[in-house]
N, C-alpha and C. Protein backbone atom coordinates (compact mmCIF):
# COMPACT_ATOMS: atom_id res chain seq x y z
N MET A 1 47.46 -52.66 4.59
CA MET A 1 46.41 -52.81 3.61
C MET A 1 45.19 -51.96 3.97
N ALA A 2 44.86 -51.93 5.22
CA ALA A 2 43.71 -51.15 5.66
C ALA A 2 43.95 -49.66 5.47
N SER A 3 45.19 -49.22 5.69
CA SER A 3 45.46 -47.80 5.54
C SER A 3 45.37 -47.35 4.08
N SER A 4 45.73 -48.19 3.13
CA SER A 4 45.63 -47.81 1.71
C SER A 4 44.17 -47.71 1.27
N ARG A 5 43.29 -48.54 1.84
CA ARG A 5 41.86 -48.43 1.52
C ARG A 5 41.29 -47.09 2.00
N LYS A 6 41.61 -46.72 3.20
CA LYS A 6 41.14 -45.45 3.75
C LYS A 6 41.63 -44.28 2.92
N LEU A 7 42.87 -44.33 2.49
CA LEU A 7 43.44 -43.26 1.70
C LEU A 7 42.74 -43.14 0.35
N SER A 8 42.43 -44.28 -0.29
CA SER A 8 41.76 -44.23 -1.59
C SER A 8 40.33 -43.73 -1.46
N ARG A 9 39.68 -44.07 -0.37
CA ARG A 9 38.32 -43.57 -0.16
C ARG A 9 38.32 -42.04 0.00
N ARG A 10 39.27 -41.53 0.73
CA ARG A 10 39.34 -40.09 0.93
C ARG A 10 39.53 -39.36 -0.38
N ARG A 11 40.36 -39.88 -1.23
CA ARG A 11 40.57 -39.23 -2.52
C ARG A 11 39.27 -39.16 -3.32
N ASN A 12 38.51 -40.24 -3.29
CA ASN A 12 37.25 -40.27 -4.04
C ASN A 12 36.22 -39.30 -3.45
N VAL A 13 36.20 -39.20 -2.16
CA VAL A 13 35.22 -38.33 -1.50
C VAL A 13 35.53 -36.87 -1.77
N THR A 14 36.79 -36.51 -1.79
CA THR A 14 37.14 -35.09 -1.93
C THR A 14 37.24 -34.63 -3.38
N THR A 15 37.09 -35.50 -4.35
CA THR A 15 37.24 -35.06 -5.73
C THR A 15 36.06 -34.24 -6.22
N TRP A 16 34.83 -34.62 -5.93
CA TRP A 16 33.70 -33.86 -6.49
C TRP A 16 33.47 -32.51 -5.81
N PRO A 17 33.71 -32.31 -4.51
CA PRO A 17 33.53 -30.98 -3.96
C PRO A 17 34.61 -29.98 -4.39
N ARG A 18 35.65 -30.44 -5.06
CA ARG A 18 36.70 -29.53 -5.48
C ARG A 18 36.34 -28.74 -6.73
N MET A 19 35.08 -28.78 -7.14
CA MET A 19 34.64 -27.97 -8.27
C MET A 19 34.92 -26.51 -7.95
N SER A 20 35.04 -25.71 -8.97
CA SER A 20 35.37 -24.30 -8.75
C SER A 20 34.27 -23.59 -7.97
N SER A 21 34.65 -22.55 -7.27
CA SER A 21 33.66 -21.79 -6.50
C SER A 21 32.65 -21.11 -7.43
N THR A 22 33.07 -20.82 -8.67
CA THR A 22 32.14 -20.24 -9.64
C THR A 22 31.02 -21.21 -9.97
N PHE A 23 31.35 -22.49 -10.10
CA PHE A 23 30.35 -23.51 -10.37
C PHE A 23 29.32 -23.55 -9.24
N TRP A 24 29.79 -23.59 -7.99
CA TRP A 24 28.87 -23.66 -6.86
C TRP A 24 28.04 -22.39 -6.72
N ALA A 25 28.62 -21.25 -7.04
CA ALA A 25 27.86 -20.00 -7.02
C ALA A 25 26.75 -20.03 -8.07
N ALA A 26 27.07 -20.57 -9.26
CA ALA A 26 26.07 -20.67 -10.32
C ALA A 26 24.95 -21.62 -9.92
N VAL A 27 25.28 -22.73 -9.30
CA VAL A 27 24.26 -23.68 -8.84
C VAL A 27 23.36 -23.03 -7.80
N LEU A 28 23.95 -22.32 -6.86
CA LEU A 28 23.18 -21.64 -5.82
C LEU A 28 22.26 -20.57 -6.41
N LEU A 29 22.78 -19.73 -7.29
CA LEU A 29 21.96 -18.68 -7.91
C LEU A 29 20.83 -19.27 -8.74
N THR A 30 21.11 -20.33 -9.48
CA THR A 30 20.07 -20.96 -10.29
C THR A 30 18.95 -21.51 -9.41
N SER A 31 19.31 -22.17 -8.33
CA SER A 31 18.27 -22.71 -7.45
C SER A 31 17.46 -21.60 -6.78
N LEU A 32 18.11 -20.51 -6.40
CA LEU A 32 17.37 -19.38 -5.81
C LEU A 32 16.43 -18.74 -6.82
N LEU A 33 16.86 -18.61 -8.07
CA LEU A 33 15.99 -18.05 -9.11
C LEU A 33 14.78 -18.92 -9.36
N ILE A 34 14.98 -20.23 -9.36
CA ILE A 34 13.85 -21.15 -9.58
C ILE A 34 12.85 -21.01 -8.45
N ILE A 35 13.33 -20.93 -7.23
CA ILE A 35 12.42 -20.79 -6.08
C ILE A 35 11.72 -19.44 -6.12
N TYR A 36 12.45 -18.35 -6.38
CA TYR A 36 11.90 -17.00 -6.35
C TYR A 36 10.93 -16.76 -7.50
N CYS A 37 11.28 -17.18 -8.71
CA CYS A 37 10.47 -16.87 -9.89
C CYS A 37 9.17 -17.67 -9.94
N GLY A 38 9.08 -18.72 -9.18
CA GLY A 38 7.86 -19.52 -9.19
C GLY A 38 6.74 -18.90 -8.37
N GLN A 39 7.03 -17.87 -7.59
CA GLN A 39 6.03 -17.29 -6.70
C GLN A 39 5.83 -15.82 -7.03
N LEU A 40 4.60 -15.38 -6.88
CA LEU A 40 4.28 -13.97 -7.06
C LEU A 40 4.28 -13.27 -5.71
N ALA A 41 4.64 -12.02 -5.71
CA ALA A 41 4.55 -11.22 -4.50
C ALA A 41 3.08 -10.96 -4.18
N ALA A 42 2.75 -10.86 -2.92
CA ALA A 42 1.37 -10.63 -2.51
C ALA A 42 0.85 -9.33 -3.10
N GLY A 43 -0.36 -9.39 -3.67
CA GLY A 43 -0.98 -8.21 -4.24
C GLY A 43 -0.60 -7.94 -5.69
N THR A 44 0.05 -8.90 -6.35
CA THR A 44 0.48 -8.70 -7.74
C THR A 44 -0.14 -9.75 -8.66
N CYS A 45 -0.12 -9.45 -9.96
CA CYS A 45 -0.66 -10.35 -10.99
C CYS A 45 0.30 -10.42 -12.16
N GLU A 46 0.19 -11.49 -12.94
CA GLU A 46 0.92 -11.62 -14.19
C GLU A 46 0.02 -12.25 -15.23
N ILE A 47 0.20 -11.87 -16.49
CA ILE A 47 -0.58 -12.46 -17.59
C ILE A 47 0.06 -13.79 -17.95
N VAL A 48 -0.77 -14.85 -17.94
CA VAL A 48 -0.29 -16.19 -18.27
C VAL A 48 -0.47 -16.47 -19.75
N THR A 49 -1.66 -16.20 -20.29
CA THR A 49 -1.91 -16.40 -21.73
C THR A 49 -2.65 -15.19 -22.29
N LEU A 50 -2.41 -14.91 -23.55
CA LEU A 50 -3.09 -13.83 -24.25
C LEU A 50 -3.35 -14.28 -25.68
N ASP A 51 -4.61 -14.43 -26.05
CA ASP A 51 -5.00 -14.86 -27.39
C ASP A 51 -5.79 -13.76 -28.06
N ARG A 52 -5.47 -13.47 -29.33
CA ARG A 52 -6.19 -12.46 -30.10
C ARG A 52 -6.79 -13.09 -31.35
N ASP A 53 -8.01 -12.71 -31.67
CA ASP A 53 -8.69 -13.20 -32.86
C ASP A 53 -9.20 -11.99 -33.65
N SER A 54 -8.61 -11.75 -34.82
CA SER A 54 -9.01 -10.61 -35.67
C SER A 54 -9.70 -11.08 -36.93
N SER A 55 -10.36 -12.22 -36.88
CA SER A 55 -10.97 -12.79 -38.08
C SER A 55 -12.22 -12.02 -38.52
N GLN A 56 -12.86 -11.29 -37.61
CA GLN A 56 -14.06 -10.53 -37.97
C GLN A 56 -13.66 -9.10 -38.31
N PRO A 57 -14.25 -8.54 -39.38
CA PRO A 57 -13.90 -7.16 -39.74
C PRO A 57 -14.31 -6.16 -38.65
N ARG A 58 -13.44 -5.16 -38.42
CA ARG A 58 -13.67 -4.09 -37.46
C ARG A 58 -13.84 -4.58 -36.03
N ARG A 59 -13.35 -5.79 -35.75
CA ARG A 59 -13.53 -6.33 -34.40
C ARG A 59 -12.36 -7.26 -34.06
N THR A 60 -11.79 -7.08 -32.90
CA THR A 60 -10.75 -7.97 -32.40
C THR A 60 -11.21 -8.54 -31.07
N ILE A 61 -11.18 -9.85 -30.97
CA ILE A 61 -11.55 -10.51 -29.72
C ILE A 61 -10.27 -10.96 -29.04
N ALA A 62 -10.06 -10.50 -27.82
CA ALA A 62 -8.87 -10.86 -27.06
C ALA A 62 -9.30 -11.55 -25.77
N ARG A 63 -8.63 -12.65 -25.49
CA ARG A 63 -8.88 -13.37 -24.24
C ARG A 63 -7.55 -13.51 -23.52
N GLN A 64 -7.55 -13.17 -22.24
CA GLN A 64 -6.33 -13.31 -21.47
C GLN A 64 -6.61 -14.03 -20.16
N THR A 65 -5.62 -14.74 -19.69
CA THR A 65 -5.68 -15.41 -18.41
C THR A 65 -4.56 -14.84 -17.55
N ALA A 66 -4.91 -14.48 -16.34
CA ALA A 66 -3.92 -13.91 -15.43
C ALA A 66 -3.81 -14.77 -14.19
N ARG A 67 -2.64 -14.73 -13.58
CA ARG A 67 -2.40 -15.42 -12.32
C ARG A 67 -2.13 -14.33 -11.28
N CYS A 68 -2.88 -14.36 -10.19
CA CYS A 68 -2.75 -13.32 -9.17
C CYS A 68 -2.50 -13.93 -7.80
N ALA A 69 -1.77 -13.21 -6.98
CA ALA A 69 -1.55 -13.57 -5.57
C ALA A 69 -2.11 -12.41 -4.76
N CYS A 70 -3.42 -12.45 -4.54
CA CYS A 70 -4.09 -11.34 -3.88
C CYS A 70 -4.08 -11.49 -2.36
N LYS A 71 -4.14 -10.34 -1.70
CA LYS A 71 -4.19 -10.30 -0.25
C LYS A 71 -5.60 -10.62 0.21
N LYS A 72 -5.76 -10.84 1.50
CA LYS A 72 -7.07 -11.14 2.08
C LYS A 72 -8.04 -10.00 1.78
N GLY A 73 -9.24 -10.34 1.31
CA GLY A 73 -10.24 -9.34 0.99
C GLY A 73 -10.14 -8.82 -0.43
N GLN A 74 -9.18 -9.33 -1.19
CA GLN A 74 -9.02 -8.93 -2.58
C GLN A 74 -9.26 -10.13 -3.50
N ILE A 75 -9.48 -9.81 -4.77
CA ILE A 75 -9.70 -10.84 -5.78
C ILE A 75 -9.15 -10.31 -7.10
N ALA A 76 -8.87 -11.21 -8.03
CA ALA A 76 -8.32 -10.80 -9.32
C ALA A 76 -9.32 -9.94 -10.07
N GLY A 77 -8.85 -8.85 -10.62
CA GLY A 77 -9.68 -7.93 -11.40
C GLY A 77 -8.83 -7.21 -12.42
N THR A 78 -9.25 -6.02 -12.80
CA THR A 78 -8.54 -5.23 -13.81
C THR A 78 -8.47 -3.77 -13.36
N THR A 79 -7.29 -3.21 -13.42
CA THR A 79 -7.10 -1.79 -13.14
C THR A 79 -6.25 -1.20 -14.25
N ARG A 80 -6.78 -0.14 -14.89
CA ARG A 80 -6.10 0.54 -16.00
C ARG A 80 -5.65 -0.45 -17.07
N ALA A 81 -6.57 -1.31 -17.48
CA ALA A 81 -6.39 -2.28 -18.56
C ALA A 81 -5.32 -3.33 -18.27
N ARG A 82 -4.97 -3.53 -17.01
CA ARG A 82 -3.98 -4.55 -16.61
C ARG A 82 -4.58 -5.40 -15.49
N PRO A 83 -4.24 -6.68 -15.42
CA PRO A 83 -4.73 -7.49 -14.31
C PRO A 83 -4.20 -6.94 -12.98
N ALA A 84 -5.05 -6.96 -11.97
CA ALA A 84 -4.67 -6.41 -10.67
C ALA A 84 -5.55 -7.03 -9.59
N CYS A 85 -5.12 -6.94 -8.36
CA CYS A 85 -5.93 -7.36 -7.23
C CYS A 85 -6.82 -6.19 -6.82
N VAL A 86 -8.11 -6.45 -6.73
CA VAL A 86 -9.08 -5.40 -6.38
C VAL A 86 -9.93 -5.87 -5.21
N ASP A 87 -10.64 -4.95 -4.60
CA ASP A 87 -11.52 -5.26 -3.48
C ASP A 87 -12.56 -6.29 -3.92
N ALA A 88 -12.71 -7.37 -3.16
CA ALA A 88 -13.64 -8.44 -3.52
C ALA A 88 -15.08 -7.96 -3.59
N LEU A 89 -15.43 -6.94 -2.83
CA LEU A 89 -16.80 -6.41 -2.84
C LEU A 89 -17.17 -5.86 -4.22
N ILE A 90 -16.22 -5.28 -4.93
CA ILE A 90 -16.48 -4.76 -6.28
C ILE A 90 -16.91 -5.89 -7.20
N VAL A 91 -16.23 -7.02 -7.12
CA VAL A 91 -16.55 -8.15 -8.00
C VAL A 91 -17.88 -8.78 -7.59
N ARG A 92 -18.10 -8.94 -6.29
CA ARG A 92 -19.36 -9.53 -5.83
C ARG A 92 -20.57 -8.69 -6.23
N SER A 93 -20.43 -7.37 -6.14
CA SER A 93 -21.55 -6.48 -6.48
C SER A 93 -21.62 -6.18 -7.97
N ARG A 94 -20.60 -6.62 -8.73
CA ARG A 94 -20.53 -6.44 -10.18
C ARG A 94 -20.56 -4.96 -10.59
N GLN A 95 -19.98 -4.12 -9.77
CA GLN A 95 -19.84 -2.69 -10.07
C GLN A 95 -18.44 -2.47 -10.65
N TRP A 96 -18.24 -2.99 -11.85
CA TRP A 96 -16.92 -3.10 -12.48
C TRP A 96 -16.17 -1.77 -12.59
N CYS A 97 -16.86 -0.69 -12.84
CA CYS A 97 -16.18 0.59 -13.05
C CYS A 97 -15.50 1.10 -11.77
N GLU A 98 -15.89 0.58 -10.61
CA GLU A 98 -15.26 0.99 -9.35
C GLU A 98 -13.82 0.50 -9.24
N MET A 99 -13.42 -0.51 -10.03
CA MET A 99 -12.04 -0.98 -9.97
C MET A 99 -11.14 -0.26 -10.97
N THR A 100 -11.67 0.79 -11.62
CA THR A 100 -10.94 1.61 -12.59
C THR A 100 -10.31 0.73 -13.68
N PRO A 101 -11.16 0.02 -14.45
CA PRO A 101 -10.61 -0.90 -15.44
C PRO A 101 -10.09 -0.22 -16.71
N CYS A 102 -10.52 1.01 -16.97
CA CYS A 102 -10.14 1.70 -18.21
C CYS A 102 -8.91 2.58 -17.99
N LEU A 103 -8.29 2.95 -19.08
CA LEU A 103 -7.15 3.87 -19.02
C LEU A 103 -7.62 5.25 -18.58
N ASP A 104 -6.70 6.12 -18.20
CA ASP A 104 -7.04 7.43 -17.65
C ASP A 104 -7.89 8.28 -18.59
N ASP A 105 -7.64 8.22 -19.90
CA ASP A 105 -8.38 9.07 -20.83
C ASP A 105 -9.65 8.41 -21.38
N GLU A 106 -10.04 7.26 -20.83
CA GLU A 106 -11.23 6.55 -21.31
C GLU A 106 -12.36 6.66 -20.28
N GLY A 107 -13.59 6.56 -20.79
CA GLY A 107 -14.75 6.56 -19.92
C GLY A 107 -15.24 5.14 -19.71
N CYS A 108 -15.71 4.84 -18.50
CA CYS A 108 -16.18 3.49 -18.17
C CYS A 108 -17.69 3.48 -18.02
N ASP A 109 -18.34 2.49 -18.64
CA ASP A 109 -19.79 2.30 -18.50
C ASP A 109 -20.06 0.82 -18.27
N LEU A 110 -21.02 0.51 -17.37
CA LEU A 110 -21.41 -0.87 -17.13
C LEU A 110 -22.28 -1.36 -18.27
N LEU A 111 -22.16 -2.64 -18.61
CA LEU A 111 -23.10 -3.23 -19.56
C LEU A 111 -24.45 -3.34 -18.87
N VAL A 112 -25.52 -3.38 -19.66
CA VAL A 112 -26.87 -3.36 -19.11
C VAL A 112 -27.10 -4.49 -18.10
N ASN A 113 -26.61 -5.69 -18.41
CA ASN A 113 -26.84 -6.83 -17.51
C ASN A 113 -25.70 -7.02 -16.49
N HIS A 114 -24.83 -6.02 -16.36
CA HIS A 114 -23.71 -6.04 -15.42
C HIS A 114 -22.75 -7.21 -15.65
N SER A 115 -22.70 -7.75 -16.87
CA SER A 115 -21.81 -8.87 -17.18
C SER A 115 -20.42 -8.38 -17.59
N GLY A 116 -20.22 -7.07 -17.57
CA GLY A 116 -18.93 -6.50 -17.95
C GLY A 116 -19.01 -4.99 -18.06
N TRP A 117 -18.08 -4.39 -18.82
CA TRP A 117 -18.01 -2.94 -18.95
C TRP A 117 -17.48 -2.57 -20.32
N THR A 118 -17.66 -1.28 -20.65
CA THR A 118 -17.08 -0.74 -21.87
C THR A 118 -16.16 0.42 -21.52
N CYS A 119 -15.07 0.53 -22.26
CA CYS A 119 -14.15 1.65 -22.13
C CYS A 119 -14.23 2.44 -23.43
N THR A 120 -14.65 3.69 -23.35
CA THR A 120 -14.80 4.52 -24.53
C THR A 120 -13.65 5.51 -24.62
N GLN A 121 -12.91 5.43 -25.73
CA GLN A 121 -11.77 6.32 -25.95
C GLN A 121 -12.26 7.66 -26.47
N PRO A 122 -11.47 8.74 -26.34
CA PRO A 122 -11.88 10.06 -26.80
C PRO A 122 -12.30 10.09 -28.28
N GLY A 123 -11.70 9.28 -29.12
CA GLY A 123 -12.05 9.25 -30.55
C GLY A 123 -13.32 8.49 -30.86
N GLY A 124 -13.95 7.89 -29.85
CA GLY A 124 -15.19 7.16 -30.05
C GLY A 124 -15.03 5.65 -30.13
N ARG A 125 -13.79 5.16 -30.16
CA ARG A 125 -13.57 3.72 -30.21
C ARG A 125 -13.98 3.11 -28.86
N VAL A 126 -14.64 1.95 -28.91
CA VAL A 126 -15.17 1.32 -27.71
C VAL A 126 -14.54 -0.06 -27.52
N LYS A 127 -14.06 -0.31 -26.31
CA LYS A 127 -13.56 -1.64 -25.95
C LYS A 127 -14.55 -2.23 -24.95
N THR A 128 -15.08 -3.40 -25.26
CA THR A 128 -16.05 -4.07 -24.38
C THR A 128 -15.37 -5.25 -23.71
N THR A 129 -15.56 -5.37 -22.41
CA THR A 129 -15.01 -6.48 -21.64
C THR A 129 -16.14 -7.19 -20.94
N THR A 130 -16.21 -8.50 -21.13
CA THR A 130 -17.21 -9.30 -20.43
C THR A 130 -16.50 -10.26 -19.48
N VAL A 131 -17.17 -10.57 -18.38
CA VAL A 131 -16.60 -11.45 -17.36
C VAL A 131 -17.34 -12.78 -17.43
N ARG A 132 -16.56 -13.87 -17.54
CA ARG A 132 -17.17 -15.19 -17.57
C ARG A 132 -17.79 -15.51 -16.22
N GLN A 133 -18.85 -16.30 -16.24
CA GLN A 133 -19.58 -16.64 -15.01
C GLN A 133 -18.67 -17.34 -13.99
N ASP A 134 -17.76 -18.24 -14.44
CA ASP A 134 -16.92 -18.99 -13.51
C ASP A 134 -15.81 -18.14 -12.91
N CYS A 135 -15.62 -16.92 -13.39
CA CYS A 135 -14.57 -16.05 -12.85
C CYS A 135 -15.08 -15.17 -11.73
N GLN A 136 -16.37 -15.10 -11.53
CA GLN A 136 -16.92 -14.20 -10.54
C GLN A 136 -16.95 -14.86 -9.17
N ALA A 137 -16.74 -14.06 -8.15
CA ALA A 137 -16.80 -14.58 -6.77
C ALA A 137 -18.25 -14.80 -6.39
N SER A 138 -18.48 -15.83 -5.61
CA SER A 138 -19.87 -16.08 -5.19
C SER A 138 -20.14 -15.56 -3.81
């Protein structure tokens, strides 16, 4: 009687690991992707949200939120119209054009109160970017 109990337990134990190797490979790859995709590489950024408002004539207001994993001495900023990690001193001193925020063919100018910058395209179109107070390093 005791030997039949042991035999039945073994059958139950070995039934679930007998899944195909493809199944276990898929489970392993899925778990690795979840772990890997949740983290950013050091020195990189990604756009989390992007909202556009074109309700005013001749004007589009865009707000974006980025998530960055910056290295020591860096802080989230903008380089060539994309979120990027930049030297923290640029943000503290509010010398925005030093982080090269505009595209290659655009000119960068600081706003009078240093609250942001403008990028002027060759055709005369101007893009103005302002930095919220809570986003600046203290």
